[in-house]
Amino acid sequence: MQMTDRGLLALARHEGVVPGPYRDSTGTWTFGIGHTAAAGSPDPAKMPRGMPDDLDGGIREAFRVFRADLACYEADVLRAVTVTLAPHEFDALVSFHYNTGGIQRAALTRHLNAGNRVAAADAFLNWRRPASIIPRREAERDLFRHARYPGGTIPVWSVDDAGRVDYARPIRSLTETQALDLLRARPVPMEISGQAEPAVPSEADQPAGWLARLLAMLVRLVRRS
């Protein structure tokens, strides 16, 4: 089971996008869309400080890391929950776990596995520190219980060299279409010693059947001449 597109967008809205390393409300070094070292590489504490020179590249990297992180959080939720979930319930639980890391030990999981969805929804609000997180917990509860997805654009925030985010005004606002395009984008080829690794064409990029064999034979003949 995976998050729906609406769930992905809701989670990205909660987190926002910061294309440089920053300190979250607990002081933890974070990058992009809520990525911390606990989720794996890269380690935000070891990343270059401040905003990237290439803002578009920094935003793409934030979404690449976000997409890679999600699989682990989705798997954690599926391991912890023993009852069948509706898509909106799964979306809410992954959002909660992405922020807290607490799906295994949360009371809401115990209530849910016992079949009490009302108590599970109410227990989202047990995780309410710092106080600034309460609106998110309420939104996750409402998504879990009522399939109520938030709307609006996804903000991109700037950050200074000390890891302080300027929340006064986003430097860019991503539409749902732009965000989904970034989430679905293929990884950019890695660079080694200043040269990009050659991309391996997929089957869809290659001519098929007799035409492929004819082209290959012509190439060999030309090379031998």
N, C-alpha and C. Protein backbone atom coordinates (compact mmCIF):
# COMPACT_ATOMS: atom_id res chain seq x y z
N MET A 1 0.86 -1.19 0.00
CA MET A 1 0.00 0.00 0.00
C MET A 1 0.89 1.24 0.00
N GLN A 2 0.50 2.23 -0.78
CA GLN A 2 1.26 3.47 -0.86
C GLN A 2 0.33 4.66 -0.66
N MET A 3 0.91 5.80 -0.31
CA MET A 3 0.12 7.01 -0.17
C MET A 3 -0.51 7.39 -1.50
N THR A 4 -1.69 7.94 -1.43
CA THR A 4 -2.33 8.48 -2.63
C THR A 4 -1.67 9.79 -3.01
N ASP A 5 -1.95 10.26 -4.24
CA ASP A 5 -1.41 11.55 -4.65
C ASP A 5 -1.89 12.66 -3.72
N ARG A 6 -3.15 12.59 -3.31
CA ARG A 6 -3.67 13.62 -2.41
C ARG A 6 -2.98 13.55 -1.05
N GLY A 7 -2.65 12.34 -0.61
CA GLY A 7 -1.93 12.19 0.65
C GLY A 7 -0.52 12.75 0.57
N LEU A 8 0.16 12.50 -0.55
CA LEU A 8 1.50 13.05 -0.76
C LEU A 8 1.49 14.57 -0.72
N LEU A 9 0.51 15.15 -1.40
CA LEU A 9 0.41 16.60 -1.44
C LEU A 9 0.09 17.17 -0.06
N ALA A 10 -0.79 16.48 0.69
CA ALA A 10 -1.11 16.94 2.04
C ALA A 10 0.12 16.93 2.93
N LEU A 11 0.91 15.87 2.84
CA LEU A 11 2.12 15.78 3.65
C LEU A 11 3.12 16.85 3.26
N ALA A 12 3.29 17.07 1.96
CA ALA A 12 4.21 18.12 1.51
C ALA A 12 3.75 19.50 1.97
N ARG A 13 2.44 19.72 2.01
CA ARG A 13 1.93 21.01 2.50
C ARG A 13 2.24 21.19 3.98
N HIS A 14 2.06 20.13 4.76
CA HIS A 14 2.36 20.22 6.19
C HIS A 14 3.82 20.59 6.42
N GLU A 15 4.70 19.96 5.66
CA GLU A 15 6.13 20.14 5.88
C GLU A 15 6.65 21.43 5.23
N GLY A 16 6.12 21.77 4.05
CA GLY A 16 6.73 22.82 3.26
C GLY A 16 8.04 22.34 2.67
N VAL A 17 8.65 23.15 1.82
CA VAL A 17 9.91 22.79 1.18
C VAL A 17 10.97 23.81 1.55
N VAL A 18 12.07 23.34 2.09
CA VAL A 18 13.21 24.22 2.39
C VAL A 18 14.42 23.62 1.66
N PRO A 19 14.88 24.25 0.57
CA PRO A 19 15.92 23.65 -0.26
C PRO A 19 17.34 23.81 0.28
N GLY A 20 17.47 23.87 1.59
CA GLY A 20 18.76 23.92 2.26
C GLY A 20 18.58 23.37 3.66
N PRO A 21 19.67 23.04 4.37
CA PRO A 21 19.54 22.49 5.72
C PRO A 21 19.03 23.53 6.71
N TYR A 22 18.13 23.11 7.59
CA TYR A 22 17.56 24.02 8.57
C TYR A 22 17.31 23.27 9.88
N ARG A 23 17.11 24.03 10.94
CA ARG A 23 16.78 23.44 12.23
C ARG A 23 15.27 23.49 12.42
N ASP A 24 14.66 22.34 12.70
CA ASP A 24 13.22 22.31 12.89
C ASP A 24 12.86 22.82 14.28
N SER A 25 11.59 22.68 14.67
CA SER A 25 11.13 23.25 15.93
C SER A 25 11.78 22.61 17.15
N THR A 26 12.38 21.43 16.99
CA THR A 26 13.07 20.77 18.09
C THR A 26 14.58 21.00 18.04
N GLY A 27 15.05 21.74 17.02
CA GLY A 27 16.48 21.99 16.87
C GLY A 27 17.20 20.96 16.04
N THR A 28 16.48 19.99 15.47
CA THR A 28 17.09 18.93 14.67
C THR A 28 17.39 19.44 13.27
N TRP A 29 18.60 19.14 12.79
CA TRP A 29 18.94 19.53 11.42
C TRP A 29 18.08 18.74 10.44
N THR A 30 17.47 19.45 9.52
CA THR A 30 16.48 18.90 8.61
C THR A 30 16.74 19.46 7.22
N PHE A 31 16.23 18.78 6.21
CA PHE A 31 16.41 19.25 4.83
C PHE A 31 15.15 18.99 4.01
N GLY A 32 14.88 19.89 3.10
CA GLY A 32 13.86 19.65 2.09
C GLY A 32 12.47 19.58 2.64
N ILE A 33 11.85 18.39 2.59
CA ILE A 33 10.48 18.19 3.04
C ILE A 33 10.52 17.29 4.27
N GLY A 34 11.07 17.83 5.35
CA GLY A 34 11.08 17.12 6.63
C GLY A 34 12.08 15.99 6.74
N HIS A 35 13.11 15.97 5.89
CA HIS A 35 14.08 14.87 5.94
C HIS A 35 15.11 15.13 7.04
N THR A 36 15.32 14.11 7.90
CA THR A 36 16.38 14.17 8.92
C THR A 36 17.32 12.98 8.72
N ALA A 37 18.44 13.02 9.43
CA ALA A 37 19.42 11.95 9.31
C ALA A 37 18.85 10.61 9.74
N ALA A 38 17.83 10.62 10.59
CA ALA A 38 17.22 9.37 11.04
C ALA A 38 16.61 8.58 9.89
N ALA A 39 16.26 9.28 8.81
CA ALA A 39 15.67 8.61 7.65
C ALA A 39 16.73 8.08 6.69
N GLY A 40 17.99 8.45 6.92
CA GLY A 40 19.05 8.00 6.04
C GLY A 40 19.78 9.15 5.37
N SER A 41 20.53 8.83 4.32
CA SER A 41 21.32 9.83 3.60
C SER A 41 20.41 10.72 2.76
N PRO A 42 20.78 12.01 2.60
CA PRO A 42 21.93 12.71 3.15
C PRO A 42 21.69 13.17 4.59
N ASP A 43 22.78 13.46 5.29
CA ASP A 43 22.70 13.99 6.64
C ASP A 43 22.63 15.51 6.54
N PRO A 44 21.49 16.13 6.89
CA PRO A 44 21.37 17.58 6.76
C PRO A 44 22.44 18.36 7.53
N ALA A 45 22.91 17.80 8.65
CA ALA A 45 23.92 18.51 9.45
C ALA A 45 25.24 18.65 8.70
N LYS A 46 25.44 17.80 7.68
CA LYS A 46 26.70 17.83 6.93
C LYS A 46 26.57 18.50 5.56
N MET A 47 25.40 19.01 5.27
CA MET A 47 25.17 19.65 3.98
C MET A 47 25.65 21.11 4.01
N PRO A 48 25.99 21.68 2.85
CA PRO A 48 26.38 23.10 2.79
C PRO A 48 25.25 23.98 3.32
N ARG A 49 25.60 24.96 4.13
CA ARG A 49 24.61 25.83 4.76
C ARG A 49 24.03 26.84 3.76
N GLY A 50 22.83 27.29 4.08
CA GLY A 50 22.20 28.34 3.30
C GLY A 50 21.48 27.82 2.08
N MET A 51 21.06 28.75 1.25
CA MET A 51 20.30 28.41 0.05
C MET A 51 21.23 27.94 -1.07
N PRO A 52 20.76 26.99 -1.89
CA PRO A 52 21.60 26.54 -3.01
C PRO A 52 21.68 27.60 -4.09
N ASP A 53 22.77 27.59 -4.84
CA ASP A 53 22.90 28.54 -5.95
C ASP A 53 21.85 28.27 -7.01
N ASP A 54 21.53 27.00 -7.20
CA ASP A 54 20.51 26.59 -8.17
C ASP A 54 19.24 26.26 -7.40
N LEU A 55 18.32 27.21 -7.31
CA LEU A 55 17.10 27.01 -6.52
C LEU A 55 16.26 25.87 -7.09
N ASP A 56 16.10 25.83 -8.40
CA ASP A 56 15.31 24.75 -9.01
C ASP A 56 15.92 23.39 -8.71
N GLY A 57 17.26 23.32 -8.79
CA GLY A 57 17.94 22.07 -8.47
C GLY A 57 17.76 21.68 -7.02
N GLY A 58 17.78 22.67 -6.12
CA GLY A 58 17.57 22.39 -4.71
C GLY A 58 16.17 21.87 -4.43
N ILE A 59 15.17 22.42 -5.11
CA ILE A 59 13.80 21.95 -4.94
C ILE A 59 13.66 20.53 -5.48
N ARG A 60 14.27 20.25 -6.64
CA ARG A 60 14.21 18.89 -7.19
C ARG A 60 14.85 17.89 -6.24
N GLU A 61 15.98 18.28 -5.62
CA GLU A 61 16.66 17.38 -4.70
C GLU A 61 15.79 17.13 -3.46
N ALA A 62 15.09 18.17 -2.99
CA ALA A 62 14.21 18.01 -1.84
C ALA A 62 13.12 16.99 -2.14
N PHE A 63 12.54 17.03 -3.32
CA PHE A 63 11.50 16.08 -3.68
C PHE A 63 12.08 14.68 -3.93
N ARG A 64 13.29 14.61 -4.45
CA ARG A 64 13.92 13.30 -4.65
C ARG A 64 14.13 12.60 -3.32
N VAL A 65 14.65 13.33 -2.34
CA VAL A 65 14.89 12.75 -1.01
C VAL A 65 13.56 12.39 -0.35
N PHE A 66 12.57 13.25 -0.49
CA PHE A 66 11.23 12.99 0.07
C PHE A 66 10.66 11.70 -0.49
N ARG A 67 10.75 11.53 -1.80
CA ARG A 67 10.22 10.33 -2.44
C ARG A 67 10.94 9.09 -1.94
N ALA A 68 12.26 9.19 -1.75
CA ALA A 68 13.02 8.04 -1.25
C ALA A 68 12.68 7.72 0.20
N ASP A 69 12.45 8.73 1.01
CA ASP A 69 12.13 8.53 2.42
C ASP A 69 10.78 7.85 2.62
N LEU A 70 9.83 8.17 1.77
CA LEU A 70 8.45 7.75 2.00
C LEU A 70 8.30 6.23 2.12
N ALA A 71 9.05 5.50 1.30
CA ALA A 71 8.88 4.04 1.29
C ALA A 71 9.10 3.44 2.67
N CYS A 72 10.08 3.95 3.41
CA CYS A 72 10.35 3.42 4.75
C CYS A 72 9.20 3.72 5.71
N TYR A 73 8.66 4.92 5.63
CA TYR A 73 7.57 5.30 6.54
C TYR A 73 6.30 4.53 6.20
N GLU A 74 6.05 4.33 4.92
CA GLU A 74 4.89 3.53 4.52
C GLU A 74 5.01 2.10 5.04
N ALA A 75 6.22 1.54 4.92
CA ALA A 75 6.44 0.17 5.39
C ALA A 75 6.28 0.08 6.91
N ASP A 76 6.74 1.10 7.63
CA ASP A 76 6.59 1.10 9.10
C ASP A 76 5.11 1.06 9.50
N VAL A 77 4.30 1.85 8.82
CA VAL A 77 2.87 1.89 9.13
C VAL A 77 2.23 0.53 8.86
N LEU A 78 2.58 -0.08 7.75
CA LEU A 78 2.00 -1.38 7.40
C LEU A 78 2.41 -2.47 8.39
N ARG A 79 3.62 -2.36 8.95
CA ARG A 79 4.05 -3.33 9.95
C ARG A 79 3.34 -3.13 11.28
N ALA A 80 3.09 -1.86 11.62
CA ALA A 80 2.52 -1.56 12.94
C ALA A 80 1.01 -1.80 13.00
N VAL A 81 0.33 -1.59 11.88
CA VAL A 81 -1.14 -1.67 11.87
C VAL A 81 -1.58 -3.04 11.37
N THR A 82 -2.47 -3.67 12.11
CA THR A 82 -2.89 -5.04 11.78
C THR A 82 -4.29 -5.10 11.18
N VAL A 83 -4.95 -3.97 11.04
CA VAL A 83 -6.30 -3.96 10.45
C VAL A 83 -6.23 -3.38 9.05
N THR A 84 -7.26 -3.64 8.27
CA THR A 84 -7.33 -3.11 6.91
C THR A 84 -7.61 -1.61 6.97
N LEU A 85 -6.87 -0.86 6.15
CA LEU A 85 -6.98 0.60 6.16
C LEU A 85 -7.58 1.11 4.86
N ALA A 86 -8.41 2.12 4.97
CA ALA A 86 -8.85 2.87 3.80
C ALA A 86 -7.69 3.78 3.36
N PRO A 87 -7.65 4.15 2.09
CA PRO A 87 -6.53 5.00 1.61
C PRO A 87 -6.35 6.28 2.41
N HIS A 88 -7.44 6.95 2.78
CA HIS A 88 -7.29 8.21 3.53
C HIS A 88 -6.77 7.94 4.93
N GLU A 89 -7.11 6.81 5.53
CA GLU A 89 -6.58 6.47 6.85
C GLU A 89 -5.08 6.22 6.76
N PHE A 90 -4.67 5.50 5.74
CA PHE A 90 -3.24 5.23 5.55
C PHE A 90 -2.48 6.53 5.33
N ASP A 91 -3.04 7.43 4.51
CA ASP A 91 -2.39 8.72 4.27
C ASP A 91 -2.17 9.48 5.58
N ALA A 92 -3.19 9.49 6.43
CA ALA A 92 -3.08 10.22 7.70
C ALA A 92 -2.03 9.60 8.61
N LEU A 93 -1.97 8.26 8.66
CA LEU A 93 -1.02 7.59 9.52
C LEU A 93 0.42 7.80 9.05
N VAL A 94 0.64 7.77 7.74
CA VAL A 94 2.00 8.00 7.23
C VAL A 94 2.42 9.44 7.52
N SER A 95 1.50 10.39 7.35
CA SER A 95 1.82 11.79 7.68
C SER A 95 2.20 11.93 9.15
N PHE A 96 1.42 11.30 10.03
CA PHE A 96 1.72 11.32 11.47
C PHE A 96 3.10 10.72 11.75
N HIS A 97 3.37 9.55 11.17
CA HIS A 97 4.63 8.86 11.43
C HIS A 97 5.81 9.61 10.84
N TYR A 98 5.62 10.23 9.69
CA TYR A 98 6.70 10.99 9.05
C TYR A 98 7.15 12.13 9.95
N ASN A 99 6.21 12.69 10.69
CA ASN A 99 6.52 13.81 11.58
C ASN A 99 7.02 13.38 12.94
N THR A 100 6.48 12.28 13.48
CA THR A 100 6.78 11.89 14.86
C THR A 100 7.70 10.68 14.99
N GLY A 101 7.67 9.79 13.99
CA GLY A 101 8.40 8.53 14.12
C GLY A 101 7.81 7.62 15.17
N GLY A 102 6.54 7.86 15.57
CA GLY A 102 6.00 7.16 16.72
C GLY A 102 4.91 6.15 16.44
N ILE A 103 4.78 5.67 15.22
CA ILE A 103 3.65 4.79 14.90
C ILE A 103 3.67 3.50 15.71
N GLN A 104 4.85 2.97 16.04
CA GLN A 104 4.92 1.70 16.76
C GLN A 104 4.43 1.82 18.20
N ARG A 105 4.66 2.95 18.83
CA ARG A 105 4.37 3.08 20.25
C ARG A 105 3.17 3.98 20.55
N ALA A 106 2.55 4.53 19.53
CA ALA A 106 1.46 5.48 19.74
C ALA A 106 0.19 4.78 20.21
N ALA A 107 -0.54 5.44 21.09
CA ALA A 107 -1.82 4.90 21.56
C ALA A 107 -2.81 4.77 20.42
N LEU A 108 -2.71 5.68 19.45
CA LEU A 108 -3.65 5.61 18.33
C LEU A 108 -3.52 4.28 17.58
N THR A 109 -2.31 3.73 17.51
CA THR A 109 -2.11 2.45 16.84
C THR A 109 -2.75 1.32 17.63
N ARG A 110 -2.62 1.36 18.95
CA ARG A 110 -3.25 0.33 19.79
C ARG A 110 -4.77 0.38 19.65
N HIS A 111 -5.33 1.59 19.69
CA HIS A 111 -6.78 1.71 19.54
C HIS A 111 -7.23 1.21 18.17
N LEU A 112 -6.47 1.55 17.14
CA LEU A 112 -6.83 1.15 15.78
C LEU A 112 -6.79 -0.37 15.64
N ASN A 113 -5.73 -0.99 16.14
CA ASN A 113 -5.61 -2.45 16.04
C ASN A 113 -6.68 -3.17 16.87
N ALA A 114 -7.20 -2.48 17.87
CA ALA A 114 -8.29 -3.05 18.68
C ALA A 114 -9.66 -2.81 18.05
N GLY A 115 -9.67 -2.10 16.92
CA GLY A 115 -10.92 -1.87 16.21
C GLY A 115 -11.67 -0.62 16.60
N ASN A 116 -11.05 0.24 17.41
CA ASN A 116 -11.73 1.46 17.87
C ASN A 116 -11.18 2.66 17.10
N ARG A 117 -11.79 2.94 15.95
CA ARG A 117 -11.30 4.03 15.10
C ARG A 117 -11.59 5.41 15.67
N VAL A 118 -12.65 5.54 16.41
CA VAL A 118 -12.95 6.83 17.04
C VAL A 118 -11.87 7.20 18.05
N ALA A 119 -11.52 6.24 18.92
CA ALA A 119 -10.45 6.49 19.90
C ALA A 119 -9.12 6.73 19.20
N ALA A 120 -8.88 6.00 18.12
CA ALA A 120 -7.63 6.19 17.38
C ALA A 120 -7.55 7.61 16.83
N ALA A 121 -8.66 8.10 16.26
CA ALA A 121 -8.67 9.46 15.73
C ALA A 121 -8.41 10.48 16.83
N ASP A 122 -9.06 10.31 17.96
CA ASP A 122 -8.86 11.25 19.08
C ASP A 122 -7.42 11.23 19.58
N ALA A 123 -6.76 10.08 19.49
CA ALA A 123 -5.41 9.94 20.04
C ALA A 123 -4.34 10.62 19.19
N PHE A 124 -4.69 11.08 18.00
CA PHE A 124 -3.72 11.89 17.24
C PHE A 124 -3.28 13.10 18.06
N LEU A 125 -4.22 13.65 18.82
CA LEU A 125 -3.94 14.87 19.59
C LEU A 125 -3.11 14.61 20.83
N ASN A 126 -2.77 13.35 21.13
CA ASN A 126 -1.83 13.08 22.22
C ASN A 126 -0.44 13.61 21.90
N TRP A 127 -0.14 13.74 20.61
CA TRP A 127 1.17 14.20 20.14
C TRP A 127 1.02 15.67 19.75
N ARG A 128 1.15 16.55 20.72
CA ARG A 128 0.80 17.96 20.51
C ARG A 128 1.91 18.91 20.93
N ARG A 129 3.14 18.43 21.01
CA ARG A 129 4.26 19.31 21.35
C ARG A 129 5.26 19.34 20.21
N PRO A 130 5.76 20.55 19.86
CA PRO A 130 5.40 21.86 20.42
C PRO A 130 3.99 22.28 20.03
N ALA A 131 3.50 23.34 20.65
CA ALA A 131 2.12 23.77 20.42
C ALA A 131 1.86 24.10 18.95
N SER A 132 2.88 24.50 18.24
CA SER A 132 2.71 24.87 16.84
C SER A 132 2.32 23.69 15.95
N ILE A 133 2.47 22.46 16.49
CA ILE A 133 2.15 21.27 15.70
C ILE A 133 0.67 20.89 15.81
N ILE A 134 -0.05 21.50 16.72
CA ILE A 134 -1.45 21.11 16.96
C ILE A 134 -2.32 21.21 15.70
N PRO A 135 -2.23 22.29 14.91
CA PRO A 135 -3.05 22.34 13.69
C PRO A 135 -2.78 21.17 12.74
N ARG A 136 -1.54 20.72 12.68
CA ARG A 136 -1.24 19.56 11.84
C ARG A 136 -1.89 18.30 12.42
N ARG A 137 -1.78 18.10 13.75
CA ARG A 137 -2.40 16.92 14.34
C ARG A 137 -3.91 16.93 14.09
N GLU A 138 -4.52 18.09 14.18
CA GLU A 138 -5.96 18.18 13.94
C GLU A 138 -6.28 17.84 12.49
N ALA A 139 -5.44 18.31 11.57
CA ALA A 139 -5.67 18.01 10.15
C ALA A 139 -5.50 16.52 9.87
N GLU A 140 -4.49 15.90 10.51
CA GLU A 140 -4.30 14.45 10.33
C GLU A 140 -5.46 13.67 10.93
N ARG A 141 -5.94 14.11 12.07
CA ARG A 141 -7.11 13.46 12.69
C ARG A 141 -8.32 13.55 11.76
N ASP A 142 -8.56 14.74 11.21
CA ASP A 142 -9.72 14.93 10.34
C ASP A 142 -9.58 14.14 9.04
N LEU A 143 -8.36 14.02 8.55
CA LEU A 143 -8.14 13.20 7.36
C LEU A 143 -8.41 11.74 7.68
N PHE A 144 -7.92 11.27 8.81
CA PHE A 144 -8.13 9.89 9.22
C PHE A 144 -9.61 9.57 9.40
N ARG A 145 -10.32 10.45 10.05
CA ARG A 145 -11.71 10.15 10.44
C ARG A 145 -12.72 10.50 9.34
N HIS A 146 -12.45 11.60 8.61
CA HIS A 146 -13.46 12.12 7.69
C HIS A 146 -12.98 12.20 6.24
N ALA A 147 -11.77 11.71 5.95
CA ALA A 147 -11.22 11.79 4.58
C ALA A 147 -11.17 13.22 4.08
N ARG A 148 -10.85 14.14 4.98
CA ARG A 148 -10.82 15.57 4.66
C ARG A 148 -9.38 15.98 4.32
N TYR A 149 -9.11 16.17 3.05
CA TYR A 149 -7.77 16.54 2.60
C TYR A 149 -7.63 18.06 2.53
N PRO A 150 -6.50 18.60 2.98
CA PRO A 150 -6.29 20.05 2.86
C PRO A 150 -6.01 20.43 1.41
N GLY A 151 -6.22 21.69 1.09
CA GLY A 151 -5.94 22.17 -0.26
C GLY A 151 -4.94 23.31 -0.24
N GLY A 152 -4.71 23.89 -1.41
CA GLY A 152 -3.79 25.02 -1.50
C GLY A 152 -2.45 24.65 -2.08
N THR A 153 -1.60 25.65 -2.25
CA THR A 153 -0.27 25.43 -2.81
C THR A 153 0.70 24.94 -1.74
N ILE A 154 1.87 24.54 -2.19
CA ILE A 154 2.93 24.06 -1.30
C ILE A 154 4.02 25.12 -1.24
N PRO A 155 4.30 25.66 -0.04
CA PRO A 155 5.26 26.76 0.05
C PRO A 155 6.71 26.28 0.00
N VAL A 156 7.54 27.11 -0.61
CA VAL A 156 8.99 26.92 -0.59
C VAL A 156 9.57 28.07 0.23
N TRP A 157 10.30 27.73 1.30
CA TRP A 157 10.82 28.73 2.22
C TRP A 157 12.32 28.90 2.03
N SER A 158 12.80 30.09 2.35
CA SER A 158 14.24 30.34 2.32
C SER A 158 14.85 30.07 3.69
N VAL A 159 16.15 29.84 3.71
CA VAL A 159 16.85 29.53 4.96
C VAL A 159 18.21 30.22 4.94
N ASP A 160 18.68 30.68 6.11
CA ASP A 160 19.98 31.35 6.15
C ASP A 160 21.08 30.36 6.55
N ASP A 161 22.30 30.85 6.67
CA ASP A 161 23.44 29.98 6.94
C ASP A 161 23.41 29.37 8.34
N ALA A 162 22.60 29.95 9.23
CA ALA A 162 22.49 29.41 10.60
C ALA A 162 21.37 28.39 10.71
N GLY A 163 20.68 28.12 9.60
CA GLY A 163 19.59 27.15 9.64
C GLY A 163 18.26 27.73 10.06
N ARG A 164 18.13 29.06 10.01
CA ARG A 164 16.87 29.71 10.38
C ARG A 164 16.01 29.90 9.13
N VAL A 165 14.79 29.43 9.20
CA VAL A 165 13.88 29.52 8.06
C VAL A 165 13.07 30.82 8.16
N ASP A 166 12.92 31.50 7.03
CA ASP A 166 12.13 32.72 6.96
C ASP A 166 10.70 32.34 6.56
N TYR A 167 9.83 32.23 7.56
CA TYR A 167 8.45 31.85 7.30
C TYR A 167 7.54 33.04 7.00
N ALA A 168 8.10 34.25 6.91
CA ALA A 168 7.29 35.44 6.70
C ALA A 168 6.58 35.39 5.35
N ARG A 169 7.30 34.92 4.33
CA ARG A 169 6.70 34.85 3.00
C ARG A 169 7.44 33.81 2.18
N PRO A 170 6.71 32.86 1.56
CA PRO A 170 7.41 31.85 0.74
C PRO A 170 8.06 32.50 -0.48
N ILE A 171 9.20 31.96 -0.87
CA ILE A 171 9.88 32.48 -2.06
C ILE A 171 9.30 31.87 -3.33
N ARG A 172 8.52 30.82 -3.16
CA ARG A 172 7.84 30.20 -4.30
C ARG A 172 6.67 29.38 -3.74
N SER A 173 5.63 29.26 -4.55
CA SER A 173 4.48 28.43 -4.18
C SER A 173 4.24 27.44 -5.30
N LEU A 174 4.28 26.15 -4.97
CA LEU A 174 4.14 25.11 -5.98
C LEU A 174 2.68 24.68 -6.08
N THR A 175 2.18 24.59 -7.31
CA THR A 175 0.84 24.06 -7.51
C THR A 175 0.87 22.54 -7.34
N GLU A 176 -0.32 21.95 -7.26
CA GLU A 176 -0.39 20.49 -7.14
C GLU A 176 0.26 19.82 -8.35
N THR A 177 0.02 20.36 -9.53
CA THR A 177 0.60 19.77 -10.75
C THR A 177 2.12 19.83 -10.71
N GLN A 178 2.68 20.97 -10.31
CA GLN A 178 4.14 21.10 -10.23
C GLN A 178 4.72 20.13 -9.22
N ALA A 179 4.07 20.01 -8.06
CA ALA A 179 4.57 19.12 -7.02
C ALA A 179 4.51 17.66 -7.47
N LEU A 180 3.43 17.26 -8.11
CA LEU A 180 3.31 15.87 -8.58
C LEU A 180 4.33 15.57 -9.67
N ASP A 181 4.60 16.55 -10.54
CA ASP A 181 5.62 16.35 -11.56
C ASP A 181 6.99 16.11 -10.92
N LEU A 182 7.28 16.84 -9.84
CA LEU A 182 8.55 16.66 -9.14
C LEU A 182 8.60 15.30 -8.45
N LEU A 183 7.50 14.87 -7.89
CA LEU A 183 7.46 13.58 -7.20
C LEU A 183 7.62 12.42 -8.16
N ARG A 184 7.15 12.59 -9.38
CA ARG A 184 7.18 11.50 -10.36
C ARG A 184 8.40 11.57 -11.27
N ALA A 185 9.21 12.60 -11.13
CA ALA A 185 10.35 12.78 -12.04
C ALA A 185 11.37 11.67 -11.86
N ARG A 186 12.02 11.31 -12.97
CA ARG A 186 13.12 10.35 -12.89
C ARG A 186 14.33 11.02 -12.25
N PRO A 187 15.14 10.26 -11.50
CA PRO A 187 16.35 10.83 -10.91
C PRO A 187 17.27 11.39 -11.99
N VAL A 188 17.90 12.54 -11.68
CA VAL A 188 18.86 13.14 -12.59
C VAL A 188 20.13 12.30 -12.58
N PRO A 189 20.77 12.02 -13.77
CA PRO A 189 21.99 11.22 -13.80
C PRO A 189 23.06 11.80 -12.89
N MET A 190 23.75 10.93 -12.13
CA MET A 190 24.80 11.36 -11.22
C MET A 190 26.02 11.81 -12.00
N GLU A 191 26.76 12.75 -11.44
CA GLU A 191 27.98 13.21 -12.08
C GLU A 191 29.18 12.61 -11.37
N ILE A 192 30.12 12.12 -12.15
CA ILE A 192 31.36 11.58 -11.61
C ILE A 192 32.51 12.26 -12.32
N SER A 193 33.38 12.92 -11.52
CA SER A 193 34.53 13.65 -12.09
C SER A 193 34.09 14.63 -13.17
N GLY A 194 32.97 15.29 -12.92
CA GLY A 194 32.53 16.31 -13.85
C GLY A 194 31.80 15.78 -15.06
N GLN A 195 31.67 14.47 -15.22
CA GLN A 195 30.99 13.91 -16.37
C GLN A 195 29.79 13.11 -15.91
N ALA A 196 28.70 13.28 -16.62
CA ALA A 196 27.48 12.56 -16.26
C ALA A 196 27.56 11.12 -16.72
N GLU A 197 27.04 10.23 -15.87
CA GLU A 197 26.97 8.84 -16.27
C GLU A 197 25.99 8.70 -17.43
N PRO A 198 26.32 7.92 -18.45
CA PRO A 198 25.39 7.76 -19.56
C PRO A 198 24.12 7.09 -19.10
N ALA A 199 23.00 7.63 -19.54
CA ALA A 199 21.72 7.04 -19.17
C ALA A 199 21.49 5.75 -19.93
N VAL A 200 20.94 4.75 -19.25
CA VAL A 200 20.62 3.48 -19.90
C VAL A 200 19.23 3.57 -20.47
N PRO A 201 19.05 3.44 -21.78
CA PRO A 201 17.71 3.58 -22.35
C PRO A 201 16.80 2.46 -21.90
N SER A 202 15.56 2.81 -21.66
CA SER A 202 14.57 1.80 -21.29
C SER A 202 14.06 1.12 -22.55
N GLU A 203 13.26 0.06 -22.33
CA GLU A 203 12.71 -0.64 -23.48
C GLU A 203 11.83 0.29 -24.31
N ALA A 204 11.17 1.23 -23.63
CA ALA A 204 10.30 2.14 -24.36
C ALA A 204 11.08 3.09 -25.25
N ASP A 205 12.38 3.29 -24.93
CA ASP A 205 13.21 4.20 -25.72
C ASP A 205 13.86 3.50 -26.89
N GLN A 206 13.81 2.18 -26.95
CA GLN A 206 14.53 1.43 -27.95
C GLN A 206 13.61 0.96 -29.05
N PRO A 207 14.09 0.97 -30.33
CA PRO A 207 13.27 0.40 -31.40
C PRO A 207 13.09 -1.08 -31.16
N ALA A 208 11.95 -1.62 -31.61
CA ALA A 208 11.62 -3.01 -31.29
C ALA A 208 11.68 -3.90 -32.51
N GLY A 209 11.80 -5.22 -32.26
CA GLY A 209 11.65 -6.24 -33.29
C GLY A 209 12.68 -6.17 -34.40
N TRP A 210 12.20 -6.42 -35.63
CA TRP A 210 13.12 -6.52 -36.78
C TRP A 210 13.83 -5.21 -37.04
N LEU A 211 13.19 -4.07 -36.74
CA LEU A 211 13.84 -2.80 -36.98
C LEU A 211 15.07 -2.63 -36.10
N ALA A 212 14.96 -3.05 -34.85
CA ALA A 212 16.10 -2.96 -33.94
C ALA A 212 17.25 -3.82 -34.45
N ARG A 213 16.93 -5.05 -34.89
CA ARG A 213 18.00 -5.93 -35.39
C ARG A 213 18.64 -5.37 -36.65
N LEU A 214 17.83 -4.76 -37.55
CA LEU A 214 18.37 -4.17 -38.77
C LEU A 214 19.30 -3.01 -38.47
N LEU A 215 18.87 -2.15 -37.54
CA LEU A 215 19.70 -1.01 -37.17
C LEU A 215 21.01 -1.46 -36.55
N ALA A 216 20.92 -2.48 -35.69
CA ALA A 216 22.14 -2.99 -35.05
C ALA A 216 23.09 -3.56 -36.09
N MET A 217 22.57 -4.28 -37.11
CA MET A 217 23.42 -4.85 -38.15
C MET A 217 24.08 -3.75 -38.98
N LEU A 218 23.34 -2.69 -39.31
CA LEU A 218 23.89 -1.58 -40.08
C LEU A 218 25.01 -0.88 -39.31
N VAL A 219 24.79 -0.71 -37.99
CA VAL A 219 25.81 -0.08 -37.18
C VAL A 219 27.10 -0.91 -37.20
N ARG A 220 26.98 -2.24 -37.08
CA ARG A 220 28.16 -3.08 -37.11
C ARG A 220 28.87 -3.01 -38.45
N LEU A 221 28.12 -2.97 -39.54
CA LEU A 221 28.73 -2.88 -40.88
C LEU A 221 29.48 -1.56 -41.07
N VAL A 222 28.88 -0.49 -40.60
CA VAL A 222 29.54 0.82 -40.72
C VAL A 222 30.83 0.85 -39.93
N ARG A 223 30.80 0.29 -38.71
CA ARG A 223 31.99 0.28 -37.88
C ARG A 223 33.12 -0.54 -38.49
N ARG A 224 32.78 -1.60 -39.23
CA ARG A 224 33.81 -2.46 -39.83
C ARG A 224 34.38 -1.86 -41.11
N SER A 225 33.66 -0.94 -41.78
CA SER A 225 34.13 -0.37 -43.04
C SER A 225 35.21 0.68 -42.85
